[in-house]
Amino acid sequence: MSEDVIHAATRSFYNWAGCTIGGSAHAATTTARRALARFSGPPTSHLLGSDNGTDTDASHAALINGIASHMHDYHDTHLDTIIHPTGPVTSALLAMAESLESCVSGAQFITALVAGIEAECKVGLAVWPSHYDVGWHITSTTGAIGAAVSIAKLLALSESRTAHAIGLAATQVTGLREMFGSHAKSFHPGRAAQNGFLAAVLAAEGYTGSMQALEAKRGWASVVSAEHDLDAQMESLGLVGRWEIVRNAFKPFPSGIFVHPVIDGCVWVHGEMERRGLWSDAIQSVEIDVHPLVVELTGKTTPKDGLEAKFSVYHGGCGRPGIWQGHVGAALRADGCRVIVHVRETDESSIAMVKCIGHAVGSLEQPMQVADDQLVDKFLDECIPGRVEDITEVILGTPPGHNYISPDKVPTERKLRGKLHLLRPGSNQNAWLEALDQVSNV
């Protein structure tokens, strides 16, 4: 693998670790952990972010870490399919790696991670967008396949047993978009991780599935999508110049990705108002032009809690975090948006502030940039101090008077390291950061 592929995989692992540790304290994660505790087997694998280093069996670790990784919607995104690929794959892969008696090297782990994400994204590309449009949650429907492939690679399964693992994962298809805004959305990648884990474990012992599970007439691709180009996508698998993992981006805002252009535009408006000495009470009206899909997916006008607020374009951009505070927390649908805010500048005059966003920060066209230490400090300053127990604290507001800095440019590894720190202080982050620094070299 080339250096850029290894680099992308390491960054993805960084991001996953921070998101998982941060999501470990959410009520959905702790509820799942509590409900399943009495059904767990001998502990072999870590539950990231747990207060006292809790371990569980590998299957439940894949499930619970997968839930936690998705809880704050702060994860990575393969922008061509809007799959959040690392959550299902890494949750399963790490659980398996920890359960093995033999030591797994960093190179082995990264290779297996890349294999899983490539398979996951290729099958996603094959059925995008019709698969998503009909109502499937593409992260989990493809995630189980990616998780199975990653573990099959780690265990060095034969070609036939790897095919059986893929088939066993494909037949466990999971995830409905109707669940967005509830705990079940994060259950999807957790279950995908566990399903992929089980598929690979069963296949390793000779359990069989169809050898044409993906491409057959009644196989995965034909059943979950009205149309697909599976053959074309498989032909490009592993080709030089088309690695899907290098097209993976990282969310600068903990919210539904379709809201990000609006947030970016509203953060700009906040900065302009601040520069002119204007306050939120000067706003007369807000107009936003977006792709129709934005309204379909994030049209919740009165979100009842933080889970729903992540999927409210009205709240995330136009509400308190976007225009009022100029910050949402810290990828993207390339359709962008146009934000028009009419502001009363004086008693006699009004102005219209207009911002067009073609590609929001965090997209491949405007990726998170490397910056200096001062910008790292600014990033940490703009984030909520202390332990984040619920996404409501990030999405629905923060203490009055907190000083925010517009996240127009943000760093790469430094930002991801900062995310790990701020999401879950006190979770032995230094040990994790040291391990993450060495993961591709061990």
Protein backbone atom coordinates (compact mmCIF):
# COMPACT_ATOMS: atom_id res chain seq x y z
CA MET A 1 0.00 0.00 0.00
CA SER A 2 1.17 3.52 -0.74
CA GLU A 3 2.01 6.04 1.97
CA ASP A 4 -1.13 8.06 1.32
CA VAL A 5 -3.30 4.98 1.87
CA ILE A 6 -1.53 4.12 5.14
CA HIS A 7 -1.78 7.74 6.22
CA ALA A 8 -5.50 7.85 5.47
CA ALA A 9 -6.08 4.62 7.38
CA THR A 10 -4.17 5.89 10.41
CA ARG A 11 -6.16 9.13 10.43
CA SER A 12 -9.39 7.17 10.16
CA PHE A 13 -8.38 5.09 13.17
CA TYR A 14 -7.54 8.28 15.11
CA ASN A 15 -10.94 9.69 14.35
CA TRP A 16 -12.76 6.47 15.24
CA ALA A 17 -11.01 6.22 18.60
CA GLY A 18 -11.97 9.77 19.57
CA CYS A 19 -15.57 9.33 18.50
CA THR A 20 -15.90 5.99 20.28
CA ILE A 21 -14.44 7.23 23.55
CA GLY A 22 -16.68 10.30 23.33
CA GLY A 23 -19.80 8.27 22.63
CA SER A 24 -19.10 5.76 25.38
CA ALA A 25 -20.81 7.90 28.02
CA HIS A 26 -23.98 8.53 26.03
CA ALA A 27 -27.18 7.05 27.47
CA ALA A 28 -27.68 4.81 24.42
CA THR A 29 -24.25 3.25 24.87
CA THR A 30 -24.52 2.78 28.62
CA THR A 31 -28.03 1.35 28.25
CA ALA A 32 -26.80 -1.22 25.74
CA ARG A 33 -23.87 -2.10 27.97
CA ARG A 34 -26.11 -2.51 31.01
CA ALA A 35 -28.80 -4.48 29.19
CA LEU A 36 -26.35 -6.97 27.68
CA ALA A 37 -23.92 -7.35 30.59
CA ARG A 38 -25.41 -10.58 31.91
CA PHE A 39 -25.25 -12.18 28.47
CA SER A 40 -21.56 -11.46 27.89
CA GLY A 41 -18.91 -14.15 27.70
CA PRO A 42 -15.36 -14.15 29.11
CA PRO A 43 -13.79 -10.68 28.71
CA THR A 44 -11.25 -10.42 25.90
CA SER A 45 -11.77 -6.97 24.36
CA HIS A 46 -11.95 -3.40 25.60
CA LEU A 47 -14.97 -1.14 25.71
CA LEU A 48 -13.38 2.18 24.86
CA GLY A 49 -13.96 5.06 27.27
CA SER A 50 -15.41 2.97 30.08
CA ASP A 51 -14.66 4.45 33.48
CA ASN A 52 -12.89 1.43 34.93
CA GLY A 53 -11.41 -0.26 31.90
CA THR A 54 -14.36 -2.55 31.36
CA ASP A 55 -13.80 -5.49 29.07
CA THR A 56 -16.30 -7.86 27.51
CA ASP A 57 -16.32 -10.65 24.98
CA ALA A 58 -15.30 -9.73 21.44
CA SER A 59 -18.77 -9.99 19.92
CA HIS A 60 -20.31 -7.59 22.42
CA ALA A 61 -17.27 -5.29 22.22
CA ALA A 62 -17.84 -4.98 18.45
CA LEU A 63 -21.49 -4.11 19.05
CA ILE A 64 -21.05 -1.62 21.89
CA ASN A 65 -17.98 0.15 20.50
CA GLY A 66 -19.80 0.36 17.18
CA ILE A 67 -22.76 2.04 18.89
CA ALA A 68 -20.49 4.46 20.74
CA SER A 69 -18.53 5.38 17.60
CA HIS A 70 -21.69 6.65 15.89
CA MET A 71 -23.40 8.27 18.86
CA HIS A 72 -22.40 11.90 18.31
CA ASP A 73 -22.50 11.83 14.48
CA TYR A 74 -18.95 13.16 14.58
CA HIS A 75 -17.48 10.36 12.49
CA ASP A 76 -15.77 10.08 9.13
CA THR A 77 -17.61 10.09 5.80
CA HIS A 78 -16.88 8.54 2.43
CA LEU A 79 -18.35 11.45 0.53
CA ASP A 80 -19.20 9.58 -2.66
CA THR A 81 -21.66 7.36 -0.79
CA ILE A 82 -22.07 9.12 2.62
CA ILE A 83 -21.05 5.84 4.26
CA HIS A 84 -19.36 6.34 7.64
CA PRO A 85 -16.96 3.48 7.02
CA THR A 86 -14.57 3.19 9.93
CA GLY A 87 -17.14 2.62 12.70
CA PRO A 88 -18.40 -0.84 11.74
CA VAL A 89 -15.07 -2.07 10.39
CA THR A 90 -12.77 -0.94 13.21
CA SER A 91 -15.18 -1.86 15.99
CA ALA A 92 -15.20 -5.44 14.75
CA LEU A 93 -11.53 -5.56 13.81
CA LEU A 94 -10.18 -4.26 17.11
CA ALA A 95 -12.45 -6.58 19.09
CA MET A 96 -11.09 -9.56 17.15
CA ALA A 97 -7.45 -8.41 17.31
CA GLU A 98 -7.62 -8.10 21.09
CA SER A 99 -9.17 -11.54 21.46
CA LEU A 100 -6.40 -13.38 19.62
CA GLU A 101 -3.67 -15.18 21.51
CA SER A 102 -1.03 -14.08 19.02
CA CYS A 103 0.07 -10.45 18.79
CA VAL A 104 -1.25 -8.39 15.88
CA SER A 105 1.21 -5.90 14.40
CA GLY A 106 0.26 -2.38 13.45
CA ALA A 107 0.95 -3.21 9.81
CA GLN A 108 -1.39 -6.22 9.94
CA PHE A 109 -4.09 -4.15 11.61
CA ILE A 110 -3.88 -1.28 9.13
CA THR A 111 -3.86 -3.67 6.15
CA ALA A 112 -7.00 -5.39 7.43
CA LEU A 113 -8.63 -2.03 8.12
CA VAL A 114 -7.98 -0.85 4.57
CA ALA A 115 -9.27 -4.12 3.11
CA GLY A 116 -12.53 -3.81 5.04
CA ILE A 117 -13.11 -0.16 4.19
CA GLU A 118 -12.33 -0.72 0.51
CA ALA A 119 -14.82 -3.59 0.29
CA GLU A 120 -17.44 -1.65 2.24
CA CYS A 121 -17.19 1.44 0.07
CA LYS A 122 -17.04 -0.47 -3.23
CA VAL A 123 -20.29 -2.32 -2.55
CA GLY A 124 -21.75 1.00 -1.41
CA LEU A 125 -20.75 2.67 -4.66
CA ALA A 126 -22.34 -0.21 -6.56
CA VAL A 127 -25.80 0.50 -5.13
CA TRP A 128 -25.61 4.26 -4.54
CA PRO A 129 -27.88 6.23 -4.66
CA SER A 130 -30.96 4.06 -5.23
CA HIS A 131 -30.20 1.89 -2.21
CA TYR A 132 -30.12 4.91 0.08
CA ASP A 133 -33.08 6.60 -1.59
CA VAL A 134 -35.41 3.69 -0.88
CA GLY A 135 -34.65 3.95 2.84
CA TRP A 136 -31.64 1.80 3.74
CA HIS A 137 -28.98 3.13 6.13
CA ILE A 138 -26.00 2.52 3.89
CA THR A 139 -23.41 2.66 6.69
CA SER A 140 -24.78 -0.49 8.30
CA THR A 141 -25.91 -2.36 5.19
CA THR A 142 -22.38 -2.18 3.78
CA GLY A 143 -20.60 -2.07 7.14
CA ALA A 144 -21.21 -5.72 7.97
CA ILE A 145 -19.57 -6.72 4.68
CA GLY A 146 -16.58 -4.49 5.36
CA ALA A 147 -16.23 -5.81 8.90
CA ALA A 148 -16.29 -9.41 7.67
CA VAL A 149 -13.65 -8.71 5.02
CA SER A 150 -11.35 -6.97 7.52
CA ILE A 151 -11.43 -9.87 9.96
CA ALA A 152 -11.06 -12.40 7.14
CA LYS A 153 -7.91 -10.51 6.10
CA LEU A 154 -6.61 -10.39 9.66
CA LEU A 155 -7.18 -14.14 10.10
CA ALA A 156 -5.71 -14.85 6.65
CA LEU A 157 -8.77 -16.85 5.60
CA SER A 158 -8.71 -18.62 2.27
CA GLU A 159 -10.44 -17.13 -0.74
CA SER A 160 -13.40 -19.47 -0.41
CA ARG A 161 -13.84 -18.88 3.31
CA THR A 162 -13.59 -15.13 2.77
CA ALA A 163 -16.36 -15.43 0.18
CA HIS A 164 -18.48 -17.37 2.68
CA ALA A 165 -17.82 -14.65 5.30
CA ILE A 166 -19.03 -12.03 2.83
CA GLY A 167 -22.14 -14.07 2.16
CA LEU A 168 -22.90 -14.54 5.84
CA ALA A 169 -22.48 -10.80 6.41
CA ALA A 170 -24.59 -9.89 3.38
CA THR A 171 -27.54 -11.99 4.55
CA GLN A 172 -27.62 -10.05 7.83
CA VAL A 173 -28.45 -6.73 6.16
CA THR A 174 -29.41 -4.15 8.81
CA GLY A 175 -30.51 -0.53 9.02
CA LEU A 176 -33.53 1.63 8.14
CA ARG A 177 -33.29 5.40 7.69
CA GLU A 178 -36.59 5.71 9.56
CA MET A 179 -34.55 5.19 12.75
CA PHE A 180 -32.61 8.46 12.32
CA GLY A 181 -33.08 10.67 15.37
CA SER A 182 -33.29 7.73 17.79
CA HIS A 183 -30.87 5.41 19.59
CA ALA A 184 -31.43 2.86 16.83
CA LYS A 185 -29.41 4.89 14.32
CA SER A 186 -26.26 4.18 16.31
CA PHE A 187 -27.36 0.60 16.88
CA HIS A 188 -27.05 0.12 13.11
CA PRO A 189 -23.22 0.40 12.83
CA GLY A 190 -22.84 -1.48 16.10
CA ARG A 191 -24.95 -4.34 14.82
CA ALA A 192 -23.13 -4.21 11.48
CA ALA A 193 -19.82 -4.61 13.31
CA GLN A 194 -21.18 -7.55 15.30
CA ASN A 195 -22.76 -9.14 12.21
CA GLY A 196 -19.50 -8.89 10.28
CA PHE A 197 -17.61 -10.28 13.25
CA LEU A 198 -19.96 -13.28 13.52
CA ALA A 199 -19.82 -13.87 9.77
CA ALA A 200 -16.03 -14.08 9.73
CA VAL A 201 -15.84 -16.22 12.87
CA LEU A 202 -18.37 -18.70 11.48
CA ALA A 203 -16.69 -18.81 8.07
CA ALA A 204 -13.31 -19.42 9.69
CA GLU A 205 -14.73 -22.64 11.15
CA GLY A 206 -16.20 -23.80 7.86
CA TYR A 207 -19.72 -22.36 8.07
CA THR A 208 -20.97 -21.67 4.56
CA GLY A 209 -23.03 -19.11 2.71
CA SER A 210 -23.56 -18.45 -0.97
CA MET A 211 -20.38 -17.94 -2.96
CA GLN A 212 -22.27 -15.41 -5.10
CA ALA A 213 -23.97 -13.59 -2.23
CA LEU A 214 -23.38 -10.13 -3.66
CA GLU A 215 -23.87 -10.54 -7.40
CA ALA A 216 -26.48 -13.34 -7.79
CA LYS A 217 -29.96 -12.65 -9.13
CA ARG A 218 -31.39 -12.85 -5.63
CA GLY A 219 -28.19 -11.72 -3.94
CA TRP A 220 -27.44 -8.65 -1.85
CA ALA A 221 -27.04 -6.03 -4.60
CA SER A 222 -30.22 -6.96 -6.46
CA VAL A 223 -32.32 -7.23 -3.32
CA VAL A 224 -31.28 -3.99 -1.61
CA SER A 225 -31.21 -1.78 -4.70
CA ALA A 226 -33.28 -1.30 -7.84
CA GLU A 227 -30.05 -0.92 -9.84
CA HIS A 228 -26.36 -1.55 -9.31
CA ASP A 229 -23.00 -1.71 -11.09
CA LEU A 230 -21.31 -4.24 -8.85
CA ASP A 231 -19.10 -5.73 -11.58
CA ALA A 232 -17.63 -2.35 -12.51
CA GLN A 233 -16.89 -1.48 -8.89
CA MET A 234 -15.22 -4.83 -8.20
CA GLU A 235 -12.98 -4.38 -11.24
CA SER A 236 -11.59 -1.18 -9.72
CA LEU A 237 -10.97 -2.73 -6.30
CA GLY A 238 -7.40 -2.05 -5.23
CA LEU A 239 -6.37 -0.29 -8.42
CA VAL A 240 -3.67 2.33 -8.13
CA GLY A 241 -5.19 5.80 -8.05
CA ARG A 242 -8.62 4.69 -6.83
CA TRP A 243 -8.39 3.84 -3.15
CA GLU A 244 -11.65 4.71 -1.44
CA ILE A 245 -10.04 5.26 1.95
CA VAL A 246 -8.15 8.31 0.68
CA ARG A 247 -11.54 9.79 -0.22
CA ASN A 248 -12.61 9.50 3.40
CA ALA A 249 -13.26 12.85 5.10
CA PHE A 250 -13.76 13.87 8.72
CA LYS A 251 -16.70 15.80 10.05
CA PRO A 252 -15.94 19.24 11.50
CA PHE A 253 -19.44 19.39 13.02
CA PRO A 254 -21.24 16.71 15.09
CA SER A 255 -24.42 16.62 13.02
CA GLY A 256 -26.00 15.14 9.92
CA ILE A 257 -23.64 15.75 7.03
CA PHE A 258 -26.31 17.42 4.88
CA VAL A 259 -26.51 20.26 7.42
CA HIS A 260 -22.81 21.13 7.11
CA PRO A 261 -22.99 23.60 4.19
CA VAL A 262 -25.70 25.54 6.03
CA ILE A 263 -23.66 25.54 9.23
CA ASP A 264 -20.62 26.76 7.30
CA GLY A 265 -22.62 29.60 5.74
CA CYS A 266 -24.21 30.61 9.01
CA VAL A 267 -20.87 30.57 10.81
CA TRP A 268 -19.63 33.03 8.15
CA VAL A 269 -22.67 35.24 8.79
CA HIS A 270 -21.91 35.17 12.51
CA GLY A 271 -18.38 36.38 11.81
CA GLU A 272 -19.62 39.18 9.57
CA MET A 273 -22.12 40.34 12.17
CA GLU A 274 -19.48 40.26 14.86
CA ARG A 275 -17.14 42.29 12.66
CA ARG A 276 -19.84 44.92 12.19
CA GLY A 277 -20.71 44.99 15.89
CA LEU A 278 -24.18 43.51 15.32
CA TRP A 279 -26.03 41.13 17.62
CA SER A 280 -28.58 38.42 16.97
CA ASP A 281 -31.50 40.72 17.76
CA ALA A 282 -30.65 42.64 14.57
CA ILE A 283 -31.60 39.64 12.40
CA GLN A 284 -34.84 40.28 10.53
CA SER A 285 -35.07 37.13 8.40
CA VAL A 286 -33.01 34.19 7.17
CA GLU A 287 -33.32 32.57 3.72
CA ILE A 288 -31.43 29.42 2.77
CA ASP A 289 -31.42 27.73 -0.63
CA VAL A 290 -30.54 24.03 -0.41
CA HIS A 291 -30.86 20.81 -2.32
CA PRO A 292 -34.31 19.19 -1.80
CA LEU A 293 -32.63 16.21 -0.13
CA VAL A 294 -31.45 18.48 2.69
CA VAL A 295 -35.05 19.25 3.61
CA GLU A 296 -36.05 15.60 3.27
CA LEU A 297 -33.30 14.37 5.59
CA THR A 298 -32.92 17.27 8.02
CA GLY A 299 -36.29 19.00 7.96
CA LYS A 300 -37.09 18.65 11.66
CA THR A 301 -38.41 22.11 12.59
CA THR A 302 -38.80 21.43 16.32
CA PRO A 303 -36.32 18.78 17.42
CA LYS A 304 -37.25 17.33 20.80
CA ASP A 305 -33.71 16.40 21.88
CA GLY A 306 -30.10 16.32 20.81
CA LEU A 307 -30.52 13.22 18.67
CA GLU A 308 -33.16 14.94 16.54
CA ALA A 309 -31.31 18.27 16.59
CA LYS A 310 -28.40 16.65 14.73
CA PHE A 311 -30.83 16.24 11.83
CA SER A 312 -32.41 19.68 11.92
CA VAL A 313 -31.15 22.17 9.36
CA TYR A 314 -33.35 24.77 11.06
CA HIS A 315 -31.62 24.31 14.37
CA GLY A 316 -28.03 23.46 13.46
CA GLY A 317 -27.52 26.31 11.03
CA CYS A 318 -30.11 28.98 11.70
CA GLY A 319 -30.60 28.25 15.38
CA ARG A 320 -28.37 28.90 18.33
CA PRO A 321 -25.17 27.11 17.25
CA GLY A 322 -24.79 28.46 13.69
CA ILE A 323 -25.65 32.14 13.47
CA TRP A 324 -25.98 33.00 17.16
CA GLN A 325 -22.75 31.41 18.39
CA GLY A 326 -20.79 30.90 15.20
CA HIS A 327 -19.93 27.36 16.23
CA VAL A 328 -21.44 23.88 16.29
CA GLY A 329 -18.84 21.74 17.89
CA ALA A 330 -16.64 20.20 15.51
CA ALA A 331 -17.64 16.14 4.76
CA LEU A 332 -20.08 16.95 2.90
CA ARG A 333 -22.75 16.89 0.28
CA ALA A 334 -21.26 18.85 -2.64
CA ASP A 335 -24.61 20.47 -3.49
CA GLY A 336 -23.78 23.28 -1.05
CA CYS A 337 -26.18 26.09 -0.23
CA ARG A 338 -26.80 29.84 -0.32
CA VAL A 339 -27.46 31.70 2.93
CA ILE A 340 -29.15 35.12 2.88
CA VAL A 341 -29.57 36.91 6.20
CA HIS A 342 -31.38 40.25 6.34
CA VAL A 343 -30.01 42.36 9.17
CA ARG A 344 -31.05 45.75 10.57
CA GLU A 345 -27.77 47.68 10.61
CA THR A 346 -29.22 50.95 11.91
CA ASP A 347 -32.68 52.24 12.78
CA GLU A 348 -32.99 53.52 9.21
CA SER A 349 -31.22 50.87 7.13
CA SER A 350 -30.99 47.13 6.60
CA ILE A 351 -28.49 44.99 4.70
CA ALA A 352 -28.53 41.52 3.19
CA MET A 353 -25.57 39.27 3.98
CA VAL A 354 -25.19 36.62 1.29
CA LYS A 355 -22.87 33.61 1.41
CA CYS A 356 -22.73 30.83 -1.18
CA ILE A 357 -21.15 27.56 -0.05
CA GLY A 358 -20.07 25.25 -2.83
CA HIS A 359 -18.05 22.92 -0.63
CA ALA A 360 -18.14 23.16 3.14
CA VAL A 361 -15.14 22.76 5.40
CA GLY A 362 -14.37 19.07 5.83
CA SER A 363 -15.16 18.16 2.22
CA LEU A 364 -12.55 16.75 -0.15
CA GLU A 365 -12.52 20.12 -1.95
CA GLN A 366 -11.94 22.01 1.30
CA PRO A 367 -10.35 19.45 3.62
CA MET A 368 -9.18 19.97 7.15
CA GLN A 369 -5.88 21.78 6.71
CA VAL A 370 -2.64 21.50 8.62
CA ALA A 371 -2.21 24.58 10.77
CA ASP A 372 0.01 25.84 13.57
CA ASP A 373 -0.20 25.27 17.30
CA GLN A 374 -2.16 28.47 17.82
CA LEU A 375 -4.99 27.16 15.68
CA VAL A 376 -4.95 23.93 17.67
CA ASP A 377 -5.40 26.00 20.82
CA LYS A 378 -8.26 27.87 19.20
CA PHE A 379 -9.89 24.61 18.26
CA LEU A 380 -9.69 23.40 21.84
CA ASP A 381 -10.91 26.75 23.15
CA GLU A 382 -14.03 26.65 21.02
CA CYS A 383 -15.05 23.23 22.26
CA ILE A 384 -17.04 22.60 25.40
CA PRO A 385 -14.76 21.89 28.35
CA GLY A 386 -15.43 18.86 30.50
CA ARG A 387 -17.09 15.57 29.83
CA VAL A 388 -19.71 15.44 27.11
CA GLU A 389 -22.50 13.26 28.49
CA ASP A 390 -25.01 13.94 25.75
CA ILE A 391 -24.96 15.47 22.30
CA THR A 392 -27.54 17.97 23.57
CA GLU A 393 -24.70 19.87 25.22
CA VAL A 394 -22.96 20.25 21.86
CA ILE A 395 -25.95 20.79 19.59
CA LEU A 396 -28.45 22.60 21.79
CA GLY A 397 -26.12 25.18 23.28
CA THR A 398 -23.29 25.94 25.67
CA PRO A 399 -22.68 28.21 28.64
CA PRO A 400 -23.36 31.92 27.94
CA GLY A 401 -20.33 34.05 27.31
CA HIS A 402 -18.18 31.27 25.90
CA ASN A 403 -15.76 32.62 23.31
CA TYR A 404 -16.08 30.98 19.88
CA ILE A 405 -13.79 31.08 16.88
CA SER A 406 -15.05 30.38 13.39
CA PRO A 407 -13.67 26.99 12.23
CA ASP A 408 -12.84 28.14 8.71
CA LYS A 409 -9.59 26.19 8.69
CA VAL A 410 -8.80 23.31 11.00
CA PRO A 411 -5.84 20.93 11.34
CA THR A 412 -5.58 17.25 10.49
CA GLU A 413 -3.86 15.01 13.05
CA ARG A 414 -3.77 17.80 15.60
CA LYS A 415 -7.49 18.33 15.25
CA LEU A 416 -8.19 14.63 15.50
CA ARG A 417 -6.01 14.38 18.60
CA GLY A 418 -7.85 17.35 20.04
CA LYS A 419 -11.16 15.67 19.32
CA LEU A 420 -10.01 12.64 21.30
CA HIS A 421 -9.11 14.84 24.27
CA LEU A 422 -12.23 16.95 24.36
CA LEU A 423 -14.73 14.17 23.75
CA ARG A 424 -13.83 12.21 26.82
CA PRO A 425 -11.38 13.81 29.28
CA GLY A 426 -10.01 11.42 31.86
CA SER A 427 -10.26 8.31 29.66
CA ASN A 428 -6.52 7.58 29.61
CA GLN A 429 -6.19 9.54 26.38
CA ASN A 430 -2.40 9.86 26.60
CA ALA A 431 -1.95 6.09 26.42
CA TRP A 432 -4.34 5.97 23.49
CA LEU A 433 -2.56 8.80 21.69
CA GLU A 434 0.81 7.12 22.13
CA ALA A 435 -0.61 3.87 20.76
CA LEU A 436 -2.29 5.64 17.85
CA ASP A 437 0.96 7.38 16.96
CA GLN A 438 2.63 3.99 16.55
CA VAL A 439 -0.21 1.96 15.08
CA SER A 440 1.13 1.75 11.52
CA ASN A 441 4.73 1.12 12.63
CA VAL A 442 4.35 -1.62 15.25
